[in-house]
Amino acid sequence: MIKLIAMEMVLAYVTAKDKAEAQRLAQGLLEKRLVACVNIIDGMASLYWWEGKIEHGQETVLVLKTRADKAPQINDWIKSVHSYETPCVLFLPISGGNAAYLQWLNSELELKTSEEL
């Protein structure tokens, strides 16, 4: 059973312009039950190509824990509310882990939002 649950779970890596935006994104995703848990890592130094030149900046990282079937909704919602023209939203498969934790993730994603009650 762990393999089946693990195959369905993914981590999403998302960057935000600052901690306030990251917290707003996390809150919205949690309220919509699109994710079960979000880790916010503030103060990441970022270097990247943008419009033909190398940019340097500070960003905040979100690590989202969710199921693969939620990925399209997560991607669409983040793109609709994010401050960036092209936000970083990447999904990484989870190949295994603590079975009890994976079951908890899955159970939290099955619960209804307050809007659905």
N, C-alpha and C. Protein backbone atom coordinates (compact mmCIF):
# COMPACT_ATOMS: atom_id res chain seq x y z
N MET A 1 0.81 -1.20 0.00
CA MET A 1 0.00 0.00 0.00
C MET A 1 0.86 1.27 0.00
N ILE A 2 1.98 1.27 0.66
CA ILE A 2 2.83 2.46 0.68
C ILE A 2 3.24 2.88 -0.73
N LYS A 3 3.54 1.92 -1.59
CA LYS A 3 3.98 2.27 -2.93
C LYS A 3 2.87 2.99 -3.70
N LEU A 4 1.65 2.52 -3.60
CA LEU A 4 0.52 3.16 -4.28
C LEU A 4 0.32 4.58 -3.77
N ILE A 5 0.32 4.76 -2.46
CA ILE A 5 0.15 6.10 -1.89
C ILE A 5 1.31 7.00 -2.32
N ALA A 6 2.54 6.48 -2.22
CA ALA A 6 3.71 7.28 -2.57
C ALA A 6 3.70 7.68 -4.04
N MET A 7 3.23 6.80 -4.91
CA MET A 7 3.20 7.11 -6.34
C MET A 7 2.26 8.27 -6.64
N GLU A 8 1.23 8.44 -5.83
CA GLU A 8 0.26 9.50 -6.06
C GLU A 8 0.69 10.83 -5.47
N MET A 9 1.64 10.81 -4.55
CA MET A 9 2.05 12.03 -3.85
C MET A 9 3.16 12.76 -4.59
N VAL A 10 3.14 14.08 -4.48
CA VAL A 10 4.18 14.91 -5.08
C VAL A 10 4.56 16.03 -4.12
N LEU A 11 5.76 16.55 -4.32
CA LEU A 11 6.19 17.80 -3.70
C LEU A 11 6.14 18.84 -4.79
N ALA A 12 5.67 20.01 -4.46
CA ALA A 12 5.72 21.13 -5.41
C ALA A 12 6.69 22.15 -4.86
N TYR A 13 7.49 22.70 -5.75
CA TYR A 13 8.46 23.73 -5.42
C TYR A 13 7.98 25.02 -6.09
N VAL A 14 7.75 26.05 -5.27
CA VAL A 14 7.21 27.32 -5.77
C VAL A 14 8.04 28.44 -5.17
N THR A 15 8.33 29.48 -5.95
CA THR A 15 9.00 30.64 -5.40
C THR A 15 8.05 31.83 -5.38
N ALA A 16 8.26 32.71 -4.40
CA ALA A 16 7.45 33.92 -4.25
C ALA A 16 8.38 35.11 -4.04
N LYS A 17 7.87 36.31 -4.28
CA LYS A 17 8.72 37.51 -4.17
C LYS A 17 9.14 37.81 -2.75
N ASP A 18 8.31 37.41 -1.76
CA ASP A 18 8.65 37.68 -0.37
C ASP A 18 7.81 36.77 0.54
N LYS A 19 8.05 36.87 1.84
CA LYS A 19 7.38 36.01 2.80
C LYS A 19 5.88 36.27 2.83
N ALA A 20 5.47 37.52 2.70
CA ALA A 20 4.04 37.85 2.73
C ALA A 20 3.31 37.16 1.58
N GLU A 21 3.87 37.21 0.38
CA GLU A 21 3.23 36.54 -0.74
C GLU A 21 3.22 35.03 -0.54
N ALA A 22 4.30 34.48 -0.03
CA ALA A 22 4.37 33.04 0.23
C ALA A 22 3.29 32.62 1.23
N GLN A 23 3.11 33.39 2.28
CA GLN A 23 2.09 33.07 3.27
C GLN A 23 0.68 33.17 2.69
N ARG A 24 0.46 34.16 1.82
CA ARG A 24 -0.84 34.31 1.17
C ARG A 24 -1.12 33.11 0.25
N LEU A 25 -0.11 32.69 -0.51
CA LEU A 25 -0.26 31.52 -1.38
C LEU A 25 -0.53 30.27 -0.55
N ALA A 26 0.25 30.08 0.51
CA ALA A 26 0.09 28.89 1.36
C ALA A 26 -1.31 28.85 1.96
N GLN A 27 -1.77 29.96 2.49
CA GLN A 27 -3.09 30.02 3.11
C GLN A 27 -4.19 29.66 2.10
N GLY A 28 -4.11 30.23 0.91
CA GLY A 28 -5.11 29.94 -0.11
C GLY A 28 -5.12 28.49 -0.54
N LEU A 29 -3.94 27.91 -0.72
CA LEU A 29 -3.85 26.50 -1.12
C LEU A 29 -4.38 25.57 -0.03
N LEU A 30 -4.08 25.90 1.23
CA LEU A 30 -4.58 25.10 2.34
C LEU A 30 -6.10 25.22 2.47
N GLU A 31 -6.61 26.43 2.37
CA GLU A 31 -8.07 26.62 2.48
C GLU A 31 -8.82 25.87 1.39
N LYS A 32 -8.24 25.78 0.20
CA LYS A 32 -8.87 25.07 -0.91
C LYS A 32 -8.64 23.56 -0.85
N ARG A 33 -7.88 23.10 0.16
CA ARG A 33 -7.52 21.69 0.32
C ARG A 33 -6.79 21.16 -0.90
N LEU A 34 -6.03 22.03 -1.56
CA LEU A 34 -5.19 21.59 -2.67
C LEU A 34 -3.87 21.02 -2.17
N VAL A 35 -3.48 21.38 -0.95
CA VAL A 35 -2.27 20.86 -0.32
C VAL A 35 -2.61 20.49 1.12
N ALA A 36 -1.81 19.59 1.69
CA ALA A 36 -1.99 19.21 3.08
C ALA A 36 -1.02 19.94 4.00
N CYS A 37 0.09 20.40 3.45
CA CYS A 37 1.14 21.02 4.26
C CYS A 37 1.99 21.90 3.35
N VAL A 38 2.46 23.03 3.91
CA VAL A 38 3.35 23.93 3.18
C VAL A 38 4.50 24.31 4.11
N ASN A 39 5.72 24.19 3.59
CA ASN A 39 6.89 24.72 4.29
C ASN A 39 7.30 26.00 3.58
N ILE A 40 7.58 27.05 4.35
CA ILE A 40 8.01 28.33 3.79
C ILE A 40 9.44 28.58 4.23
N ILE A 41 10.31 28.80 3.26
CA ILE A 41 11.73 29.06 3.51
C ILE A 41 12.04 30.45 2.99
N ASP A 42 12.25 31.38 3.89
CA ASP A 42 12.45 32.78 3.52
C ASP A 42 13.95 33.07 3.32
N GLY A 43 14.22 34.08 2.49
CA GLY A 43 15.58 34.60 2.35
C GLY A 43 16.47 33.84 1.39
N MET A 44 15.91 33.17 0.40
CA MET A 44 16.71 32.44 -0.57
C MET A 44 17.31 33.43 -1.58
N ALA A 45 18.60 33.31 -1.82
CA ALA A 45 19.24 34.10 -2.87
C ALA A 45 18.98 33.41 -4.21
N SER A 46 18.52 34.17 -5.19
CA SER A 46 18.21 33.61 -6.50
C SER A 46 19.00 34.34 -7.58
N LEU A 47 19.58 33.58 -8.48
CA LEU A 47 20.22 34.10 -9.67
C LEU A 47 19.59 33.37 -10.85
N TYR A 48 19.16 34.13 -11.86
CA TYR A 48 18.44 33.51 -12.97
C TYR A 48 18.49 34.40 -14.21
N TRP A 49 18.30 33.76 -15.35
CA TRP A 49 18.19 34.51 -16.59
C TRP A 49 16.78 35.08 -16.70
N TRP A 50 16.66 36.36 -17.04
CA TRP A 50 15.35 36.95 -17.31
C TRP A 50 15.54 38.05 -18.35
N GLU A 51 14.83 37.91 -19.45
CA GLU A 51 14.85 38.88 -20.54
C GLU A 51 16.27 39.23 -20.98
N GLY A 52 17.07 38.18 -21.17
CA GLY A 52 18.40 38.33 -21.76
C GLY A 52 19.52 38.72 -20.81
N LYS A 53 19.24 38.82 -19.52
CA LYS A 53 20.33 39.14 -18.59
C LYS A 53 20.18 38.35 -17.30
N ILE A 54 21.28 38.26 -16.57
CA ILE A 54 21.27 37.53 -15.30
C ILE A 54 20.78 38.47 -14.20
N GLU A 55 19.75 38.03 -13.50
CA GLU A 55 19.17 38.78 -12.39
C GLU A 55 19.64 38.19 -11.07
N HIS A 56 19.72 39.03 -10.05
CA HIS A 56 20.05 38.62 -8.68
C HIS A 56 18.93 39.12 -7.78
N GLY A 57 18.45 38.28 -6.90
CA GLY A 57 17.39 38.73 -6.01
C GLY A 57 17.20 37.82 -4.82
N GLN A 58 16.29 38.21 -3.97
CA GLN A 58 15.88 37.42 -2.81
C GLN A 58 14.47 36.92 -3.07
N GLU A 59 14.22 35.68 -2.73
CA GLU A 59 12.89 35.11 -2.88
C GLU A 59 12.56 34.27 -1.65
N THR A 60 11.33 33.83 -1.60
CA THR A 60 10.87 32.91 -0.56
C THR A 60 10.39 31.64 -1.25
N VAL A 61 10.79 30.50 -0.73
CA VAL A 61 10.44 29.21 -1.32
C VAL A 61 9.28 28.58 -0.55
N LEU A 62 8.37 27.99 -1.29
CA LEU A 62 7.31 27.18 -0.71
C LEU A 62 7.52 25.74 -1.17
N VAL A 63 7.45 24.81 -0.23
CA VAL A 63 7.46 23.39 -0.55
C VAL A 63 6.08 22.87 -0.18
N LEU A 64 5.34 22.45 -1.18
CA LEU A 64 3.96 22.00 -1.01
C LEU A 64 3.93 20.48 -1.01
N LYS A 65 3.11 19.90 -0.15
CA LYS A 65 2.93 18.45 -0.10
C LYS A 65 1.49 18.15 -0.49
N THR A 66 1.35 17.35 -1.56
CA THR A 66 0.02 17.13 -2.12
C THR A 66 -0.02 15.86 -2.94
N ARG A 67 -1.13 15.62 -3.61
CA ARG A 67 -1.28 14.49 -4.53
C ARG A 67 -1.12 14.97 -5.96
N ALA A 68 -0.66 14.08 -6.81
CA ALA A 68 -0.43 14.41 -8.22
C ALA A 68 -1.70 14.89 -8.91
N ASP A 69 -2.86 14.36 -8.54
CA ASP A 69 -4.10 14.76 -9.21
C ASP A 69 -4.49 16.21 -8.90
N LYS A 70 -3.89 16.80 -7.87
CA LYS A 70 -4.17 18.20 -7.51
C LYS A 70 -3.26 19.17 -8.28
N ALA A 71 -2.22 18.66 -8.93
CA ALA A 71 -1.21 19.51 -9.58
C ALA A 71 -1.80 20.49 -10.60
N PRO A 72 -2.68 20.09 -11.50
CA PRO A 72 -3.21 21.07 -12.45
C PRO A 72 -3.95 22.23 -11.78
N GLN A 73 -4.75 21.93 -10.75
CA GLN A 73 -5.48 22.99 -10.04
C GLN A 73 -4.51 23.91 -9.31
N ILE A 74 -3.49 23.33 -8.70
CA ILE A 74 -2.48 24.13 -7.99
C ILE A 74 -1.79 25.07 -8.96
N ASN A 75 -1.34 24.53 -10.08
CA ASN A 75 -0.64 25.32 -11.09
C ASN A 75 -1.53 26.47 -11.59
N ASP A 76 -2.76 26.15 -11.93
CA ASP A 76 -3.67 27.18 -12.45
C ASP A 76 -3.96 28.26 -11.42
N TRP A 77 -4.21 27.86 -10.16
CA TRP A 77 -4.53 28.84 -9.13
C TRP A 77 -3.34 29.74 -8.83
N ILE A 78 -2.15 29.16 -8.70
CA ILE A 78 -0.96 29.97 -8.43
C ILE A 78 -0.74 30.96 -9.56
N LYS A 79 -0.82 30.51 -10.80
CA LYS A 79 -0.63 31.42 -11.94
C LYS A 79 -1.65 32.55 -11.93
N SER A 80 -2.85 32.29 -11.44
CA SER A 80 -3.90 33.32 -11.47
C SER A 80 -3.74 34.38 -10.38
N VAL A 81 -3.02 34.08 -9.30
CA VAL A 81 -2.91 35.02 -8.19
C VAL A 81 -1.47 35.48 -7.91
N HIS A 82 -0.49 34.89 -8.54
CA HIS A 82 0.92 35.19 -8.26
C HIS A 82 1.32 36.54 -8.83
N SER A 83 2.26 37.19 -8.17
CA SER A 83 2.73 38.50 -8.64
C SER A 83 3.68 38.40 -9.83
N TYR A 84 4.30 37.25 -10.04
CA TYR A 84 5.24 37.08 -11.15
C TYR A 84 4.50 36.83 -12.46
N GLU A 85 5.07 37.33 -13.53
CA GLU A 85 4.54 37.06 -14.86
C GLU A 85 4.64 35.57 -15.19
N THR A 86 5.76 34.95 -14.80
CA THR A 86 6.00 33.54 -15.04
C THR A 86 6.46 32.87 -13.74
N PRO A 87 5.52 32.52 -12.86
CA PRO A 87 5.93 31.94 -11.58
C PRO A 87 6.54 30.55 -11.73
N CYS A 88 7.48 30.25 -10.85
CA CYS A 88 8.09 28.92 -10.79
C CYS A 88 7.14 28.01 -10.03
N VAL A 89 6.61 27.00 -10.72
CA VAL A 89 5.76 25.98 -10.11
C VAL A 89 6.23 24.65 -10.70
N LEU A 90 6.90 23.85 -9.86
CA LEU A 90 7.44 22.57 -10.32
C LEU A 90 6.93 21.45 -9.43
N PHE A 91 6.64 20.29 -10.02
CA PHE A 91 6.15 19.13 -9.27
C PHE A 91 7.17 18.01 -9.35
N LEU A 92 7.46 17.43 -8.19
CA LEU A 92 8.44 16.34 -8.08
C LEU A 92 7.77 15.12 -7.46
N PRO A 93 7.90 13.95 -8.08
CA PRO A 93 7.24 12.77 -7.53
C PRO A 93 7.89 12.32 -6.22
N ILE A 94 7.08 11.77 -5.33
CA ILE A 94 7.56 11.17 -4.09
C ILE A 94 7.59 9.67 -4.33
N SER A 95 8.74 9.04 -4.17
CA SER A 95 8.86 7.61 -4.46
C SER A 95 8.72 6.73 -3.23
N GLY A 96 8.60 7.30 -2.06
CA GLY A 96 8.46 6.51 -0.84
C GLY A 96 8.56 7.41 0.37
N GLY A 97 8.46 6.82 1.55
CA GLY A 97 8.57 7.58 2.77
C GLY A 97 7.82 6.93 3.90
N ASN A 98 7.61 7.66 4.96
CA ASN A 98 6.90 7.18 6.13
C ASN A 98 5.44 6.93 5.74
N ALA A 99 5.03 5.69 5.78
CA ALA A 99 3.68 5.33 5.34
C ALA A 99 2.60 6.08 6.12
N ALA A 100 2.80 6.23 7.42
CA ALA A 100 1.80 6.94 8.23
C ALA A 100 1.70 8.39 7.81
N TYR A 101 2.82 9.03 7.49
CA TYR A 101 2.80 10.43 7.05
C TYR A 101 2.11 10.55 5.70
N LEU A 102 2.42 9.65 4.77
CA LEU A 102 1.79 9.68 3.46
C LEU A 102 0.28 9.46 3.57
N GLN A 103 -0.14 8.59 4.46
CA GLN A 103 -1.57 8.37 4.68
C GLN A 103 -2.22 9.62 5.27
N TRP A 104 -1.52 10.30 6.18
CA TRP A 104 -2.04 11.55 6.76
C TRP A 104 -2.21 12.59 5.65
N LEU A 105 -1.19 12.75 4.79
CA LEU A 105 -1.30 13.71 3.68
C LEU A 105 -2.54 13.42 2.86
N ASN A 106 -2.69 12.17 2.47
CA ASN A 106 -3.82 11.79 1.63
C ASN A 106 -5.14 12.06 2.34
N SER A 107 -5.24 11.74 3.62
CA SER A 107 -6.50 11.94 4.34
C SER A 107 -6.85 13.42 4.45
N GLU A 108 -5.87 14.29 4.63
CA GLU A 108 -6.14 15.72 4.72
C GLU A 108 -6.64 16.28 3.39
N LEU A 109 -6.20 15.72 2.31
CA LEU A 109 -6.63 16.18 0.99
C LEU A 109 -8.02 15.68 0.63
N GLU A 110 -8.52 14.68 1.36
CA GLU A 110 -9.85 14.15 1.13
C GLU A 110 -10.92 14.94 1.88
N LEU A 111 -10.53 15.66 2.93
CA LEU A 111 -11.50 16.42 3.71
C LEU A 111 -12.05 17.58 2.89
N LYS A 112 -13.26 17.96 3.18
CA LYS A 112 -13.90 19.04 2.45
C LYS A 112 -13.48 20.40 2.99
N THR A 113 -13.49 21.39 2.13
CA THR A 113 -13.24 22.76 2.55
C THR A 113 -14.48 23.30 3.24
N SER A 114 -14.34 24.39 3.96
CA SER A 114 -15.50 25.01 4.62
C SER A 114 -16.54 25.48 3.59
N GLU A 115 -16.08 25.81 2.40
CA GLU A 115 -17.01 26.24 1.33
C GLU A 115 -17.88 25.09 0.84
N GLU A 116 -17.36 23.86 0.94
CA GLU A 116 -18.09 22.68 0.45
C GLU A 116 -19.08 22.14 1.48
N LEU A 117 -18.94 22.53 2.74
CA LEU A 117 -19.81 22.00 3.80
C LEU A 117 -21.18 22.62 3.78
